[in-house]
Amino acid sequence: MTDPEYLDRAEAALAAIERGCDRLNDATDADIDNQRVGGMITITFPNKSQLIVNLQPPLHEIWLAARSGGYHYRHDGNVWVDTKTGEELFANLSREATVQGGQPLQFAAG
């Protein structure tokens, strides 16, 4: 993947995460706060726990930091997959947000 391809795909993923936060706040009482600074989104839950998603351009990866640990995702041509588990980014983000937010919270790429 070229650098411009990585940036296009990674920016699309961050935009989907931002839209997901807005949608969840409209559709649930999750009351999550999301702040984006450059290539990093910090999602803060009412209990003050956070999820941090940030771009790693030199590695062509997206990283997710959660209470359960850190995850590194590379694009496989279709989706962002964890380099260790093979789990898809938005599935893992949904699981981690559900745990930290205390209610079912779904994120999607689209």
C-alpha atoms as a PDB file:
ATOM      1  CA  MET A   1       0.000   0.000   0.000  1.00  0.00           C
ATOM      2  CA  THR A   2       1.305   3.445  -0.823  1.00  0.00           C
ATOM      3  CA  ASP A   3       1.442   6.265   1.710  1.00  0.00           C
ATOM      4  CA  PRO A   4      -1.471   8.127   0.056  1.00  0.00           C
ATOM      5  CA  GLU A   5      -3.577   4.934   0.016  1.00  0.00           C
ATOM      6  CA  TYR A   6      -2.845   4.367   3.696  1.00  0.00           C
ATOM      7  CA  LEU A   7      -3.782   7.938   4.592  1.00  0.00           C
ATOM      8  CA  ASP A   8      -7.051   7.743   2.621  1.00  0.00           C
ATOM      9  CA  ARG A   9      -8.079   4.485   4.283  1.00  0.00           C
ATOM     10  CA  ALA A  10      -6.926   5.527   7.750  1.00  0.00           C
ATOM     11  CA  GLU A  11      -8.672   8.907   7.556  1.00  0.00           C
ATOM     12  CA  ALA A  12     -11.859   7.154   6.418  1.00  0.00           C
ATOM     13  CA  ALA A  13     -11.636   4.893   9.488  1.00  0.00           C
ATOM     14  CA  LEU A  14     -11.181   7.852  11.846  1.00  0.00           C
ATOM     15  CA  ALA A  15     -14.106   9.676  10.228  1.00  0.00           C
ATOM     16  CA  ALA A  16     -16.276   6.559  10.694  1.00  0.00           C
ATOM     17  CA  ILE A  17     -15.298   6.426  14.374  1.00  0.00           C
ATOM     18  CA  GLU A  18     -16.235  10.092  14.820  1.00  0.00           C
ATOM     19  CA  ARG A  19     -19.589   9.513  13.103  1.00  0.00           C
ATOM     20  CA  GLY A  20     -20.106   6.455  15.291  1.00  0.00           C
ATOM     21  CA  CYS A  21     -19.584   8.484  18.455  1.00  0.00           C
ATOM     22  CA  ASP A  22     -22.089  11.090  17.273  1.00  0.00           C
ATOM     23  CA  ARG A  23     -24.619   8.394  16.324  1.00  0.00           C
ATOM     24  CA  LEU A  24     -24.230   6.616  19.679  1.00  0.00           C
ATOM     25  CA  ASN A  25     -24.754   9.854  21.584  1.00  0.00           C
ATOM     26  CA  ASP A  26     -27.925  10.533  19.578  1.00  0.00           C
ATOM     27  CA  ALA A  27     -29.297   6.983  19.873  1.00  0.00           C
ATOM     28  CA  THR A  28     -28.261   6.004  23.423  1.00  0.00           C
ATOM     29  CA  ASP A  29     -27.612   7.553  26.802  1.00  0.00           C
ATOM     30  CA  ALA A  30     -23.913   6.627  26.549  1.00  0.00           C
ATOM     31  CA  ASP A  31     -22.802  10.265  26.872  1.00  0.00           C
ATOM     32  CA  ILE A  32     -19.390   9.615  25.355  1.00  0.00           C
ATOM     33  CA  ASP A  33     -17.039  12.438  24.489  1.00  0.00           C
ATOM     34  CA  ASN A  34     -14.757  12.222  21.495  1.00  0.00           C
ATOM     35  CA  GLN A  35     -11.969  14.613  20.671  1.00  0.00           C
ATOM     36  CA  ARG A  36      -9.793  14.478  17.598  1.00  0.00           C
ATOM     37  CA  VAL A  37      -6.361  16.038  17.403  1.00  0.00           C
ATOM     38  CA  GLY A  38      -4.615  15.319  14.111  1.00  0.00           C
ATOM     39  CA  GLY A  39      -4.467  11.567  13.629  1.00  0.00           C
ATOM     40  CA  MET A  40      -5.700  10.703  17.123  1.00  0.00           C
ATOM     41  CA  ILE A  41      -9.190  10.298  18.579  1.00  0.00           C
ATOM     42  CA  THR A  42      -9.729  10.093  22.316  1.00  0.00           C
ATOM     43  CA  ILE A  43     -13.073   8.612  23.350  1.00  0.00           C
ATOM     44  CA  THR A  44     -13.932   9.318  26.990  1.00  0.00           C
ATOM     45  CA  PHE A  45     -16.753   7.577  28.844  1.00  0.00           C
ATOM     46  CA  PRO A  46     -18.705   8.944  31.836  1.00  0.00           C
ATOM     47  CA  ASN A  47     -16.627   6.712  34.160  1.00  0.00           C
ATOM     48  CA  LYS A  48     -13.534   8.602  32.870  1.00  0.00           C
ATOM     49  CA  SER A  49     -12.091   5.558  31.101  1.00  0.00           C
ATOM     50  CA  GLN A  50     -10.785   6.181  27.605  1.00  0.00           C
ATOM     51  CA  LEU A  51     -10.207   4.526  24.272  1.00  0.00           C
ATOM     52  CA  ILE A  52      -7.497   6.078  22.135  1.00  0.00           C
ATOM     53  CA  VAL A  53      -7.278   5.464  18.398  1.00  0.00           C
ATOM     54  CA  ASN A  54      -4.289   6.867  16.586  1.00  0.00           C
ATOM     55  CA  LEU A  55      -2.615   6.606  13.231  1.00  0.00           C
ATOM     56  CA  GLN A  56       0.901   5.262  12.806  1.00  0.00           C
ATOM     57  CA  PRO A  57       1.817   6.414   9.273  1.00  0.00           C
ATOM     58  CA  PRO A  58       5.397   5.047   9.195  1.00  0.00           C
ATOM     59  CA  LEU A  59       4.028   1.545   9.896  1.00  0.00           C
ATOM     60  CA  HIS A  60       0.806   1.958   7.870  1.00  0.00           C
ATOM     61  CA  GLU A  61      -1.128   0.972  10.999  1.00  0.00           C
ATOM     62  CA  ILE A  62      -3.932   2.178  13.238  1.00  0.00           C
ATOM     63  CA  TRP A  63      -3.433   1.618  16.952  1.00  0.00           C
ATOM     64  CA  LEU A  64      -6.124   1.224  19.605  1.00  0.00           C
ATOM     65  CA  ALA A  65      -5.366   1.638  23.301  1.00  0.00           C
ATOM     66  CA  ALA A  66      -7.985   0.226  25.678  1.00  0.00           C
ATOM     67  CA  ARG A  67      -8.149  -0.947  29.280  1.00  0.00           C
ATOM     68  CA  SER A  68      -7.578  -4.492  28.022  1.00  0.00           C
ATOM     69  CA  GLY A  69      -4.395  -3.569  26.161  1.00  0.00           C
ATOM     70  CA  GLY A  70      -3.042  -2.224  22.911  1.00  0.00           C
ATOM     71  CA  TYR A  71      -3.948  -3.362  19.405  1.00  0.00           C
ATOM     72  CA  HIS A  72      -2.233  -2.732  16.077  1.00  0.00           C
ATOM     73  CA  TYR A  73      -4.242  -2.883  12.846  1.00  0.00           C
ATOM     74  CA  ARG A  74      -3.074  -3.170   9.247  1.00  0.00           C
ATOM     75  CA  HIS A  75      -5.313  -2.932   6.222  1.00  0.00           C
ATOM     76  CA  ASP A  76      -5.607  -6.278   4.438  1.00  0.00           C
ATOM     77  CA  GLY A  77      -7.119  -4.822   1.267  1.00  0.00           C
ATOM     78  CA  ASN A  78     -10.654  -4.990   2.677  1.00  0.00           C
ATOM     79  CA  VAL A  79     -10.630  -4.167   6.397  1.00  0.00           C
ATOM     80  CA  TRP A  80      -8.294  -3.190   9.237  1.00  0.00           C
ATOM     81  CA  VAL A  81      -7.169  -6.357  11.061  1.00  0.00           C
ATOM     82  CA  ASP A  82      -5.212  -6.780  14.283  1.00  0.00           C
ATOM     83  CA  THR A  83      -1.672  -7.968  13.623  1.00  0.00           C
ATOM     84  CA  LYS A  84      -1.842 -10.532  16.462  1.00  0.00           C
ATOM     85  CA  THR A  85      -5.430 -11.750  16.648  1.00  0.00           C
ATOM     86  CA  GLY A  86      -6.766 -11.046  13.146  1.00  0.00           C
ATOM     87  CA  GLU A  87      -9.779  -9.308  14.696  1.00  0.00           C
ATOM     88  CA  GLU A  88     -11.330  -6.471  12.709  1.00  0.00           C
ATOM     89  CA  LEU A  89     -10.885  -2.921  14.046  1.00  0.00           C
ATOM     90  CA  PHE A  90     -14.553  -1.934  14.327  1.00  0.00           C
ATOM     91  CA  ALA A  91     -15.547  -5.252  15.937  1.00  0.00           C
ATOM     92  CA  ASN A  92     -12.850  -4.816  18.567  1.00  0.00           C
ATOM     93  CA  LEU A  93     -13.661  -1.125  19.055  1.00  0.00           C
ATOM     94  CA  SER A  94     -17.319  -2.062  19.607  1.00  0.00           C
ATOM     95  CA  ARG A  95     -16.383  -4.723  22.161  1.00  0.00           C
ATOM     96  CA  GLU A  96     -14.028  -2.405  24.050  1.00  0.00           C
ATOM     97  CA  ALA A  97     -16.527   0.492  23.995  1.00  0.00           C
ATOM     98  CA  THR A  98     -19.257  -1.825  25.292  1.00  0.00           C
ATOM     99  CA  VAL A  99     -17.070  -2.946  28.189  1.00  0.00           C
ATOM    100  CA  GLN A 100     -15.859   0.536  29.081  1.00  0.00           C
ATOM    101  CA  GLY A 101     -19.191   2.248  28.407  1.00  0.00           C
ATOM    102  CA  GLY A 102     -21.258  -0.274  30.354  1.00  0.00           C
ATOM    103  CA  GLN A 103     -23.828  -0.804  27.603  1.00  0.00           C
ATOM    104  CA  PRO A 104     -23.930  -2.211  24.043  1.00  0.00           C
ATOM    105  CA  LEU A 105     -22.112   0.233  21.744  1.00  0.00           C
ATOM    106  CA  GLN A 106     -21.621  -0.616  18.070  1.00  0.00           C
ATOM    107  CA  PHE A 107     -19.158   0.997  15.685  1.00  0.00           C
ATOM    108  CA  ALA A 108     -19.045   0.304  11.949  1.00  0.00           C
ATOM    109  CA  ALA A 109     -16.742   1.169   9.070  1.00  0.00           C
ATOM    110  CA  GLY A 110     -19.541   2.571   6.940  1.00  0.00           C
END
